[in-house]
Amino acid sequence: MVMHIRGLVSDGTDPDPYVKLYLLPDPQKTSKRKTKAARRTCNPTTTRWYLHIYLEQRVIHLRVLGDGAFWENTLLGETFIPMRRLVPGQHWVDWHQLCAAGSDSAH
């Protein structure tokens, strides 16, 4: 479950952020999950952003996007989380640094 995002960069107007999650590898993108957008905030908090899939040897690709007008969404940041770090049946709470789109440090 994604609960909090903090410190998103604003270009003068707070974004309407939402999260897209992918389990990699997934060439057909059948694992994609998307949350509803939070309105005008750089620090969204919610209890409705869920992902209930536990598959070892996979990687979560988490992207935070700004909900733009006319389907023009802006990538605010992304990170990759190896699922091997997760322990089935246990909650895992951690902050993950978001990297700029296409950044080598995101992998």
C-alpha atoms as a PDB file:
ATOM      1  CA  MET A   1       0.000   0.000   0.000  1.00  0.00           C
ATOM      2  CA  VAL A   2       1.317   3.430  -0.886  1.00  0.00           C
ATOM      3  CA  MET A   3       0.358   5.735   2.001  1.00  0.00           C
ATOM      4  CA  HIS A   4       2.342   8.967   1.780  1.00  0.00           C
ATOM      5  CA  ILE A   5       4.335  10.928  -0.743  1.00  0.00           C
ATOM      6  CA  ARG A   6       6.220  14.011   0.366  1.00  0.00           C
ATOM      7  CA  GLY A   7       8.240  16.799  -1.170  1.00  0.00           C
ATOM      8  CA  LEU A   8       7.032  16.664  -4.766  1.00  0.00           C
ATOM      9  CA  VAL A   9       8.439  19.528  -6.807  1.00  0.00           C
ATOM     10  CA  SER A  10       5.946  22.218  -7.778  1.00  0.00           C
ATOM     11  CA  ASP A  11       6.272  24.536 -10.764  1.00  0.00           C
ATOM     12  CA  GLY A  12       4.310  27.295  -9.006  1.00  0.00           C
ATOM     13  CA  THR A  13       1.034  25.388  -8.892  1.00  0.00           C
ATOM     14  CA  ASP A  14       0.687  22.311  -6.707  1.00  0.00           C
ATOM     15  CA  PRO A  15       0.199  19.169  -8.842  1.00  0.00           C
ATOM     16  CA  ASP A  16      -2.695  16.697  -8.727  1.00  0.00           C
ATOM     17  CA  PRO A  17      -0.482  13.630  -8.098  1.00  0.00           C
ATOM     18  CA  TYR A  18      -1.398  10.005  -8.605  1.00  0.00           C
ATOM     19  CA  VAL A  19       0.598   6.768  -8.568  1.00  0.00           C
ATOM     20  CA  LYS A  20       1.087   4.116 -11.246  1.00  0.00           C
ATOM     21  CA  LEU A  21       2.600   0.802 -10.180  1.00  0.00           C
ATOM     22  CA  TYR A  22       4.005  -1.899 -12.439  1.00  0.00           C
ATOM     23  CA  LEU A  23       5.537  -5.236 -11.492  1.00  0.00           C
ATOM     24  CA  LEU A  24       8.560  -5.766 -13.724  1.00  0.00           C
ATOM     25  CA  PRO A  25       9.248  -7.611 -15.915  1.00  0.00           C
ATOM     26  CA  ASP A  26       5.802  -7.226 -17.483  1.00  0.00           C
ATOM     27  CA  PRO A  27       5.993  -6.662 -21.256  1.00  0.00           C
ATOM     28  CA  GLN A  28       2.182  -6.582 -21.641  1.00  0.00           C
ATOM     29  CA  LYS A  29       1.700  -4.240 -18.631  1.00  0.00           C
ATOM     30  CA  THR A  30      -0.977  -6.515 -17.167  1.00  0.00           C
ATOM     31  CA  SER A  31       0.187  -5.727 -13.617  1.00  0.00           C
ATOM     32  CA  LYS A  32      -0.420  -1.965 -13.933  1.00  0.00           C
ATOM     33  CA  ARG A  33      -2.322  -0.385 -11.036  1.00  0.00           C
ATOM     34  CA  LYS A  34      -3.292   3.288 -10.874  1.00  0.00           C
ATOM     35  CA  THR A  35      -4.628   5.391  -7.997  1.00  0.00           C
ATOM     36  CA  LYS A  36      -7.037   8.294  -8.073  1.00  0.00           C
ATOM     37  CA  ALA A  37      -5.407  11.717  -8.164  1.00  0.00           C
ATOM     38  CA  ALA A  38      -5.041  13.728  -4.964  1.00  0.00           C
ATOM     39  CA  ARG A  39      -5.913  17.365  -5.565  1.00  0.00           C
ATOM     40  CA  ARG A  40      -3.410  20.236  -5.434  1.00  0.00           C
ATOM     41  CA  THR A  41      -0.773  18.901  -3.066  1.00  0.00           C
ATOM     42  CA  CYS A  42       2.950  18.160  -2.986  1.00  0.00           C
ATOM     43  CA  ASN A  43       2.490  15.878   0.062  1.00  0.00           C
ATOM     44  CA  PRO A  44      -0.465  13.553  -0.615  1.00  0.00           C
ATOM     45  CA  THR A  45      -1.637  11.098   2.038  1.00  0.00           C
ATOM     46  CA  THR A  46      -4.236   8.407   1.532  1.00  0.00           C
ATOM     47  CA  THR A  47      -5.244   4.966   2.734  1.00  0.00           C
ATOM     48  CA  ARG A  48      -6.798   3.997  -0.601  1.00  0.00           C
ATOM     49  CA  TRP A  49      -3.670   3.288  -2.649  1.00  0.00           C
ATOM     50  CA  TYR A  50      -3.375  -0.500  -2.563  1.00  0.00           C
ATOM     51  CA  LEU A  51      -1.287  -3.114  -4.307  1.00  0.00           C
ATOM     52  CA  HIS A  52      -1.860  -6.684  -3.121  1.00  0.00           C
ATOM     53  CA  ILE A  53       0.537  -8.732  -5.211  1.00  0.00           C
ATOM     54  CA  TYR A  54       3.431 -10.691  -3.721  1.00  0.00           C
ATOM     55  CA  LEU A  55       5.734 -12.147  -6.338  1.00  0.00           C
ATOM     56  CA  GLU A  56       9.406 -12.767  -5.622  1.00  0.00           C
ATOM     57  CA  GLN A  57      11.861 -12.064  -8.464  1.00  0.00           C
ATOM     58  CA  ARG A  58       9.775  -9.066  -9.554  1.00  0.00           C
ATOM     59  CA  VAL A  59      10.386  -5.332  -9.218  1.00  0.00           C
ATOM     60  CA  ILE A  60       7.801  -2.679  -8.418  1.00  0.00           C
ATOM     61  CA  HIS A  61       8.095   0.275 -10.785  1.00  0.00           C
ATOM     62  CA  LEU A  62       6.389   3.150  -8.970  1.00  0.00           C
ATOM     63  CA  ARG A  63       5.696   6.368 -10.861  1.00  0.00           C
ATOM     64  CA  VAL A  64       4.189   9.567  -9.420  1.00  0.00           C
ATOM     65  CA  LEU A  65       2.459  11.698 -12.034  1.00  0.00           C
ATOM     66  CA  GLY A  66       0.630  15.022 -12.017  1.00  0.00           C
ATOM     67  CA  ASP A  67      -2.920  14.834 -13.353  1.00  0.00           C
ATOM     68  CA  GLY A  68      -2.897  17.392 -16.167  1.00  0.00           C
ATOM     69  CA  ALA A  69      -5.517  18.799 -18.461  1.00  0.00           C
ATOM     70  CA  PHE A  70      -6.322  17.125 -21.762  1.00  0.00           C
ATOM     71  CA  TRP A  71      -4.522  13.866 -20.911  1.00  0.00           C
ATOM     72  CA  GLU A  72      -1.149  15.608 -20.582  1.00  0.00           C
ATOM     73  CA  ASN A  73       0.165  14.099 -17.368  1.00  0.00           C
ATOM     74  CA  THR A  74       3.568  15.078 -16.004  1.00  0.00           C
ATOM     75  CA  LEU A  75       5.985  12.545 -14.522  1.00  0.00           C
ATOM     76  CA  LEU A  76       6.973  13.967 -11.113  1.00  0.00           C
ATOM     77  CA  GLY A  77       9.329  11.123 -10.176  1.00  0.00           C
ATOM     78  CA  GLU A  78       9.814   7.365 -10.141  1.00  0.00           C
ATOM     79  CA  THR A  79      11.548   4.577  -8.254  1.00  0.00           C
ATOM     80  CA  PHE A  80      12.143   0.832  -8.528  1.00  0.00           C
ATOM     81  CA  ILE A  81      11.627  -1.440  -5.491  1.00  0.00           C
ATOM     82  CA  PRO A  82      12.866  -5.069  -5.640  1.00  0.00           C
ATOM     83  CA  MET A  83      10.160  -7.365  -4.237  1.00  0.00           C
ATOM     84  CA  ARG A  84      12.829  -9.663  -2.761  1.00  0.00           C
ATOM     85  CA  ARG A  85      13.131  -7.039   0.003  1.00  0.00           C
ATOM     86  CA  LEU A  86       9.537  -7.751   1.086  1.00  0.00           C
ATOM     87  CA  VAL A  87       8.637 -10.433   3.628  1.00  0.00           C
ATOM     88  CA  PRO A  88       5.244 -12.128   3.001  1.00  0.00           C
ATOM     89  CA  GLY A  89       2.804 -11.511   5.824  1.00  0.00           C
ATOM     90  CA  GLN A  90       4.740  -8.565   7.251  1.00  0.00           C
ATOM     91  CA  HIS A  91       4.087  -4.870   6.775  1.00  0.00           C
ATOM     92  CA  TRP A  92       6.999  -2.930   5.346  1.00  0.00           C
ATOM     93  CA  VAL A  93       7.183   0.814   5.916  1.00  0.00           C
ATOM     94  CA  ASP A  94       9.938   2.781   4.235  1.00  0.00           C
ATOM     95  CA  TRP A  95      10.548   6.007   2.354  1.00  0.00           C
ATOM     96  CA  HIS A  96      11.865   5.728  -1.204  1.00  0.00           C
ATOM     97  CA  GLN A  97      13.685   8.551  -2.969  1.00  0.00           C
ATOM     98  CA  LEU A  98      12.000   9.451  -6.240  1.00  0.00           C
ATOM     99  CA  CYS A  99      14.345  10.051  -9.163  1.00  0.00           C
ATOM    100  CA  ALA A 100      13.760  12.126 -12.264  1.00  0.00           C
ATOM    101  CA  ALA A 101      12.298  10.332 -15.280  1.00  0.00           C
ATOM    102  CA  GLY A 102      14.851   8.290 -17.172  1.00  0.00           C
ATOM    103  CA  SER A 103      17.508   8.747 -14.487  1.00  0.00           C
ATOM    104  CA  ASP A 104      20.065   5.934 -14.249  1.00  0.00           C
ATOM    105  CA  SER A 105      19.880   6.153 -10.448  1.00  0.00           C
ATOM    106  CA  ALA A 106      16.214   5.109 -10.595  1.00  0.00           C
ATOM    107  CA  HIS A 107      17.268   1.528 -11.421  1.00  0.00           C
END
